[in-house]
PDB file of N, CA and C in Angstrom:
ATOM      1  N   UNK A   1      89.569 116.846 102.495  1.00  0.00           N
ATOM      2  CA  UNK A   1      90.977 116.593 102.222  1.00  0.00           C
ATOM      3  C   UNK A   1      91.283 115.101 102.313  1.00  0.00           C
ATOM      4  N   UNK A   2      90.738 114.443 103.310  1.00  0.00           N
ATOM      5  CA  UNK A   2      90.976 113.013 103.483  1.00  0.00           C
ATOM      6  C   UNK A   2      90.465 112.219 102.284  1.00  0.00           C
ATOM      7  N   UNK A   3      89.336 112.630 101.744  1.00  0.00           N
ATOM      8  CA  UNK A   3      88.760 111.953 100.584  1.00  0.00           C
ATOM      9  C   UNK A   3      89.695 112.058  99.380  1.00  0.00           C
ATOM     10  N   UNK A   4      90.287 113.230  99.197  1.00  0.00           N
ATOM     11  CA  UNK A   4      91.195 113.447  98.057  1.00  0.00           C
ATOM     12  C   UNK A   4      92.451 112.588  98.186  1.00  0.00           C
ATOM     13  N   UNK A   5      92.995 112.498  99.382  1.00  0.00           N
ATOM     14  CA  UNK A   5      94.199 111.692  99.604  1.00  0.00           C
ATOM     15  C   UNK A   5      93.898 110.224  99.362  1.00  0.00           C
ATOM     16  N   UNK A   6      92.756 109.772  99.842  1.00  0.00           N
ATOM     17  CA  UNK A   6      92.368 108.367  99.654  1.00  0.00           C
ATOM     18  C   UNK A   6      92.176 108.055  98.164  1.00  0.00           C
ATOM     19  N   UNK A   7      91.532 108.953  97.445  1.00  0.00           N
ATOM     20  CA  UNK A   7      91.311 108.757  96.012  1.00  0.00           C
ATOM     21  C   UNK A   7      92.639 108.727  95.253  1.00  0.00           C
ATOM     22  N   UNK A   8      93.575 109.578  95.647  1.00  0.00           N
ATOM     23  CA  UNK A   8      94.888 109.600  95.009  1.00  0.00           C
ATOM     24  C   UNK A   8      95.638 108.296  95.275  1.00  0.00           C
ATOM     25  N   UNK A   9      95.568 107.808  96.515  1.00  0.00           N
ATOM     26  CA  UNK A   9      96.234 106.552  96.867  1.00  0.00           C
ATOM     27  C   UNK A   9      95.653 105.383  96.075  1.00  0.00           C
ATOM     28  N   UNK A  10      94.345 105.345  95.919  1.00  0.00           N
ATOM     29  CA  UNK A  10      93.718 104.274  95.150  1.00  0.00           C
ATOM     30  C   UNK A  10      94.107 104.355  93.674  1.00  0.00           C
ATOM     31  N   UNK A  11      94.261 105.577  93.173  1.00  0.00           N
ATOM     32  CA  UNK A  11      94.676 105.745  91.780  1.00  0.00           C
ATOM     33  C   UNK A  11      96.094 105.233  91.565  1.00  0.00           C
ATOM     34  N   UNK A  12      96.966 105.425  92.554  1.00  0.00           N
ATOM     35  CA  UNK A  12      98.347 104.946  92.425  1.00  0.00           C
ATOM     36  C   UNK A  12      98.446 103.426  92.476  1.00  0.00           C
ATOM     37  N   UNK A  13      97.453 102.763  93.072  1.00  0.00           N
ATOM     38  CA  UNK A  13      97.468 101.300  93.124  1.00  0.00           C
ATOM     39  C   UNK A  13      97.284 100.680  91.743  1.00  0.00           C
ATOM     40  N   UNK A  14      96.830 101.451  90.797  1.00  0.00           N
ATOM     41  CA  UNK A  14      96.640 100.935  89.441  1.00  0.00           C
ATOM     42  C   UNK A  14      97.979 100.559  88.820  1.00  0.00           C
ATOM     43  N   UNK A  15      99.051 101.266  89.195  1.00  0.00           N
ATOM     44  CA  UNK A  15     100.367 101.019  88.589  1.00  0.00           C
ATOM     45  C   UNK A  15     100.868  99.601  88.869  1.00  0.00           C
ATOM     46  N   UNK A  16     101.001  99.173  90.138  1.00  0.00           N
ATOM     47  CA  UNK A  16     101.481  97.799  90.357  1.00  0.00           C
ATOM     48  C   UNK A  16     100.475  96.740  89.903  1.00  0.00           C
ATOM     49  N   UNK A  17      99.185  97.054  89.972  1.00  0.00           N
ATOM     50  CA  UNK A  17      98.179  96.095  89.515  1.00  0.00           C
ATOM     51  C   UNK A  17      98.299  95.872  88.015  1.00  0.00           C
ATOM     52  N   UNK A  18      98.494  96.932  87.258  1.00  0.00           N
ATOM     53  CA  UNK A  18      98.648  96.814  85.801  1.00  0.00           C
ATOM     54  C   UNK A  18      99.944  96.098  85.456  1.00  0.00           C
ATOM     55  N   UNK A  19     101.020  96.421  86.173  1.00  0.00           N
ATOM     56  CA  UNK A  19     102.296  95.749  85.946  1.00  0.00           C
ATOM     57  C   UNK A  19     102.167  94.248  86.191  1.00  0.00           C
ATOM     58  N   UNK A  20     101.515  93.884  87.286  1.00  0.00           N
ATOM     59  CA  UNK A  20     101.336  92.464  87.601  1.00  0.00           C
ATOM     60  C   UNK A  20     100.470  91.769  86.555  1.00  0.00           C
ATOM     61  N   UNK A  21      99.399  92.413  86.165  1.00  0.00           N
ATOM     62  CA  UNK A  21      98.505  91.803  85.175  1.00  0.00           C
ATOM     63  C   UNK A  21      99.199  91.622  83.829  1.00  0.00           C
ATOM     64  N   UNK A  22      99.956  92.611  83.401  1.00  0.00           N
ATOM     65  CA  UNK A  22     100.676  92.506  82.123  1.00  0.00           C
ATOM     66  C   UNK A  22     101.770  91.443  82.166  1.00  0.00           C
ATOM     67  N   UNK A  23     102.276  91.137  83.354  1.00  0.00           N
ATOM     68  CA  UNK A  23     103.306  90.108  83.496  1.00  0.00           C
ATOM     69  C   UNK A  23     102.706  88.725  83.705  1.00  0.00           C
ATOM     70  N   UNK A  24     101.384  88.635  83.729  1.00  0.00           N
ATOM     71  CA  UNK A  24     100.735  87.343  83.910  1.00  0.00           C
ATOM     72  C   UNK A  24     100.614  86.921  85.353  1.00  0.00           C
ATOM     73  N   UNK A  25     100.759  87.861  86.274  1.00  0.00           N
ATOM     74  CA  UNK A  25     100.643  87.561  87.699  1.00  0.00           C
ATOM     75  C   UNK A  25      99.237  87.894  88.179  1.00  0.00           C
ATOM     76  N   UNK A  26      98.937  87.502  89.406  1.00  0.00           N
ATOM     77  CA  UNK A  26      97.657  87.815  90.022  1.00  0.00           C
ATOM     78  C   UNK A  26      97.725  89.222  90.614  1.00  0.00           C
ATOM     79  N   UNK A  27      97.066  90.213  90.012  1.00  0.00           N
ATOM     80  CA  UNK A  27      97.189  91.588  90.499  1.00  0.00           C
ATOM     81  C   UNK A  27      96.634  91.790  91.904  1.00  0.00           C
ATOM     82  N   UNK A  28      95.611  91.051  92.277  1.00  0.00           N
ATOM     83  CA  UNK A  28      95.038  91.189  93.616  1.00  0.00           C
ATOM     84  C   UNK A  28      96.046  90.727  94.660  1.00  0.00           C
ATOM     85  N   UNK A  29      96.712  89.626  94.400  1.00  0.00           N
ATOM     86  CA  UNK A  29      97.715  89.098  95.330  1.00  0.00           C
ATOM     87  C   UNK A  29      98.897  90.068  95.463  1.00  0.00           C
ATOM     88  N   UNK A  30      99.364  90.619  94.365  1.00  0.00           N
ATOM     89  CA  UNK A  30     100.513  91.530  94.386  1.00  0.00           C
ATOM     90  C   UNK A  30     100.177  92.808  95.143  1.00  0.00           C
ATOM     91  N   UNK A  31      99.026  93.405  94.861  1.00  0.00           N
ATOM     92  CA  UNK A  31      98.632  94.643  95.543  1.00  0.00           C
ATOM     93  C   UNK A  31      98.401  94.382  97.026  1.00  0.00           C
ATOM     94  N   UNK A  32      97.839  93.232  97.373  1.00  0.00           N
ATOM     95  CA  UNK A  32      97.634  92.888  98.782  1.00  0.00           C
ATOM     96  C   UNK A  32      98.966  92.760  99.517  1.00  0.00           C
ATOM     97  N   UNK A  33      99.940  92.127  98.878  1.00  0.00           N
ATOM     98  CA  UNK A  33     101.257  91.983  99.507  1.00  0.00           C
ATOM     99  C   UNK A  33     101.952  93.342  99.635  1.00  0.00           C
ATOM    100  N   UNK A  34     101.781  94.210  98.653  1.00  0.00           N
ATOM    101  CA  UNK A  34     102.346  95.559  98.758  1.00  0.00           C
ATOM    102  C   UNK A  34     101.708  96.331  99.911  1.00  0.00           C
ATOM    103  N   UNK A  35     100.412  96.145 100.103  1.00  0.00           N
ATOM    104  CA  UNK A  35      99.740  96.795 101.238  1.00  0.00           C
ATOM    105  C   UNK A  35     100.291  96.291 102.565  1.00  0.00           C
ATOM    106  N   UNK A  36     100.577  94.991 102.644  1.00  0.00           N
ATOM    107  CA  UNK A  36     101.151  94.431 103.870  1.00  0.00           C
ATOM    108  C   UNK A  36     102.538  95.004 104.156  1.00  0.00           C
ATOM    109  N   UNK A  37     103.282  95.331 103.120  1.00  0.00           N
ATOM    110  CA  UNK A  37     104.630  95.868 103.268  1.00  0.00           C
ATOM    111  C   UNK A  37     104.658  97.395 103.265  1.00  0.00           C
ATOM    112  N   UNK A  38     103.539  98.014 103.567  1.00  0.00           N
ATOM    113  CA  UNK A  38     103.410  99.469 103.496  1.00  0.00           C
ATOM    114  C   UNK A  38     104.448 100.201 104.352  1.00  0.00           C
ATOM    115  N   UNK A  39     104.838  99.659 105.475  1.00  0.00           N
ATOM    116  CA  UNK A  39     105.790 100.321 106.366  1.00  0.00           C
ATOM    117  C   UNK A  39     107.233 100.270 105.894  1.00  0.00           C
ATOM    118  N   UNK A  40     107.533  99.407 104.947  1.00  0.00           N
ATOM    119  CA  UNK A  40     108.904  99.307 104.452  1.00  0.00           C
ATOM    120  C   UNK A  40     109.247 100.512 103.587  1.00  0.00           C
ATOM    121  N   UNK A  41     110.510 100.885 103.599  1.00  0.00           N
ATOM    122  CA  UNK A  41     110.920 102.051 102.826  1.00  0.00           C
ATOM    123  C   UNK A  41     110.819 101.781 101.328  1.00  0.00           C
ATOM    124  N   UNK A  42     111.256 100.627 100.888  1.00  0.00           N
ATOM    125  CA  UNK A  42     111.198 100.264  99.468  1.00  0.00           C
ATOM    126  C   UNK A  42     110.531  98.908  99.328  1.00  0.00           C
ATOM    127  N   UNK A  43     109.640  98.792  98.396  1.00  0.00           N
ATOM    128  CA  UNK A  43     109.038  97.511  98.041  1.00  0.00           C
ATOM    129  C   UNK A  43     108.612  97.621  96.587  1.00  0.00           C
ATOM    130  N   UNK A  44     108.895  96.587  95.828  1.00  0.00           N
ATOM    131  CA  UNK A  44     108.559  96.617  94.414  1.00  0.00           C
ATOM    132  C   UNK A  44     108.154  95.250  93.912  1.00  0.00           C
ATOM    133  N   UNK A  45     107.624  95.225  92.723  1.00  0.00           N
ATOM    134  CA  UNK A  45     107.163  93.988  92.109  1.00  0.00           C
ATOM    135  C   UNK A  45     108.298  93.411  91.267  1.00  0.00           C
ATOM    136  N   UNK A  46     108.656  92.167  91.546  1.00  0.00           N
ATOM    137  CA  UNK A  46     109.640  91.448  90.745  1.00  0.00           C
ATOM    138  C   UNK A  46     108.877  90.481  89.863  1.00  0.00           C
ATOM    139  N   UNK A  47     108.746  90.818  88.586  1.00  0.00           N
ATOM    140  CA  UNK A  47     107.945  89.985  87.689  1.00  0.00           C
ATOM    141  C   UNK A  47     108.663  88.696  87.313  1.00  0.00           C
ATOM    142  N   UNK A  48     109.966  88.674  87.406  1.00  0.00           N
ATOM    143  CA  UNK A  48     110.702  87.438  87.073  1.00  0.00           C
ATOM    144  C   UNK A  48     110.529  86.379  88.148  1.00  0.00           C
ATOM    145  N   UNK A  49     110.563  86.812  89.416  1.00  0.00           N
ATOM    146  CA  UNK A  49     110.391  85.867  90.531  1.00  0.00           C
ATOM    147  C   UNK A  49     108.946  85.795  91.003  1.00  0.00           C
ATOM    148  N   UNK A  50     108.082  86.607  90.403  1.00  0.00           N
ATOM    149  CA  UNK A  50     106.646  86.611  90.686  1.00  0.00           C
ATOM    150  C   UNK A  50     106.342  86.887  92.154  1.00  0.00           C
ATOM    151  N   UNK A  51     106.996  87.915  92.710  1.00  0.00           N
ATOM    152  CA  UNK A  51     106.730  88.273  94.096  1.00  0.00           C
ATOM    153  C   UNK A  51     107.015  89.749  94.334  1.00  0.00           C
ATOM    154  N   UNK A  52     106.824  90.162  95.576  1.00  0.00           N
ATOM    155  CA  UNK A  52     107.145  91.523  95.998  1.00  0.00           C
ATOM    156  C   UNK A  52     108.432  91.445  96.790  1.00  0.00           C
ATOM    157  N   UNK A  53     109.344  92.359  96.519  1.00  0.00           N
ATOM    158  CA  UNK A  53     110.642  92.326  97.187  1.00  0.00           C
ATOM    159  C   UNK A  53     111.194  93.728  97.339  1.00  0.00           C
ATOM    160  N   UNK A  54     112.285  93.839  98.060  1.00  0.00           N
ATOM    161  CA  UNK A  54     112.997  95.106  98.163  1.00  0.00           C
ATOM    162  C   UNK A  54     113.989  95.166  97.001  1.00  0.00           C
ATOM    163  N   UNK A  55     113.882  96.184  96.152  1.00  0.00           N
ATOM    164  CA  UNK A  55     114.712  96.243  94.944  1.00  0.00           C
ATOM    165  C   UNK A  55     116.216  96.235  95.221  1.00  0.00           C
ATOM    166  N   UNK A  56     116.664  96.866  96.285  1.00  0.00           N
ATOM    167  CA  UNK A  56     118.101  96.922  96.556  1.00  0.00           C
ATOM    168  C   UNK A  56     118.650  95.572  96.996  1.00  0.00           C
ATOM    169  N   UNK A  57     117.828  94.740  97.627  1.00  0.00           N
ATOM    170  CA  UNK A  57     118.291  93.415  98.040  1.00  0.00           C
ATOM    171  C   UNK A  57     118.359  92.451  96.864  1.00  0.00           C
ATOM    172  N   UNK A  58     117.510  92.639  95.894  1.00  0.00           N
ATOM    173  CA  UNK A  58     117.483  91.739  94.747  1.00  0.00           C
ATOM    174  C   UNK A  58     118.338  92.214  93.595  1.00  0.00           C
ATOM    175  N   UNK A  59     119.149  93.213  93.819  1.00  0.00           N
ATOM    176  CA  UNK A  59     120.024  93.779  92.795  1.00  0.00           C
ATOM    177  C   UNK A  59     119.254  94.246  91.574  1.00  0.00           C
ATOM    178  N   UNK A  60     118.040  94.726  91.791  1.00  0.00           N
ATOM    179  CA  UNK A  60     117.246  95.274  90.704  1.00  0.00           C
ATOM    180  C   UNK A  60     117.654  96.722  90.457  1.00  0.00           C
ATOM    181  N   UNK A  61     117.943  97.434  91.529  1.00  0.00           N
ATOM    182  CA  UNK A  61     118.355  98.837  91.421  1.00  0.00           C
ATOM    183  C   UNK A  61     119.775  98.973  91.938  1.00  0.00           C
ATOM    184  N   UNK A  62     120.485  99.921  91.423  1.00  0.00           N
ATOM    185  CA  UNK A  62     121.845 100.149  91.906  1.00  0.00           C
ATOM    186  C   UNK A  62     121.871 101.391  92.795  1.00  0.00           C
ATOM    187  N   UNK A  63     122.789 101.408  93.713  1.00  0.00           N
ATOM    188  CA  UNK A  63     122.932 102.550  94.619  1.00  0.00           C
ATOM    189  C   UNK A  63     123.901 103.532  94.010  1.00  0.00           C
ATOM    190  N   UNK A  64     123.520 104.796  94.019  1.00  0.00           N
ATOM    191  CA  UNK A  64     124.372 105.832  93.453  1.00  0.00           C
ATOM    192  C   UNK A  64     125.115 106.556  94.531  1.00  0.00           C
TER     193      UNK A  64
END
């Protein structure tokens, strides 16, 4: 079971890595920073500012 969860987690890392690479950012740096922020409730990639941030603080997402 642990192996399956780990494999699924690694597969999900492809999403921010691909987003960063397509935006011209360093995907290794972005994924590493996301790993560091693992305990935060929300963390996302801001391709305009080229960093990882909380979407609600940067007015990227709206609260419903």
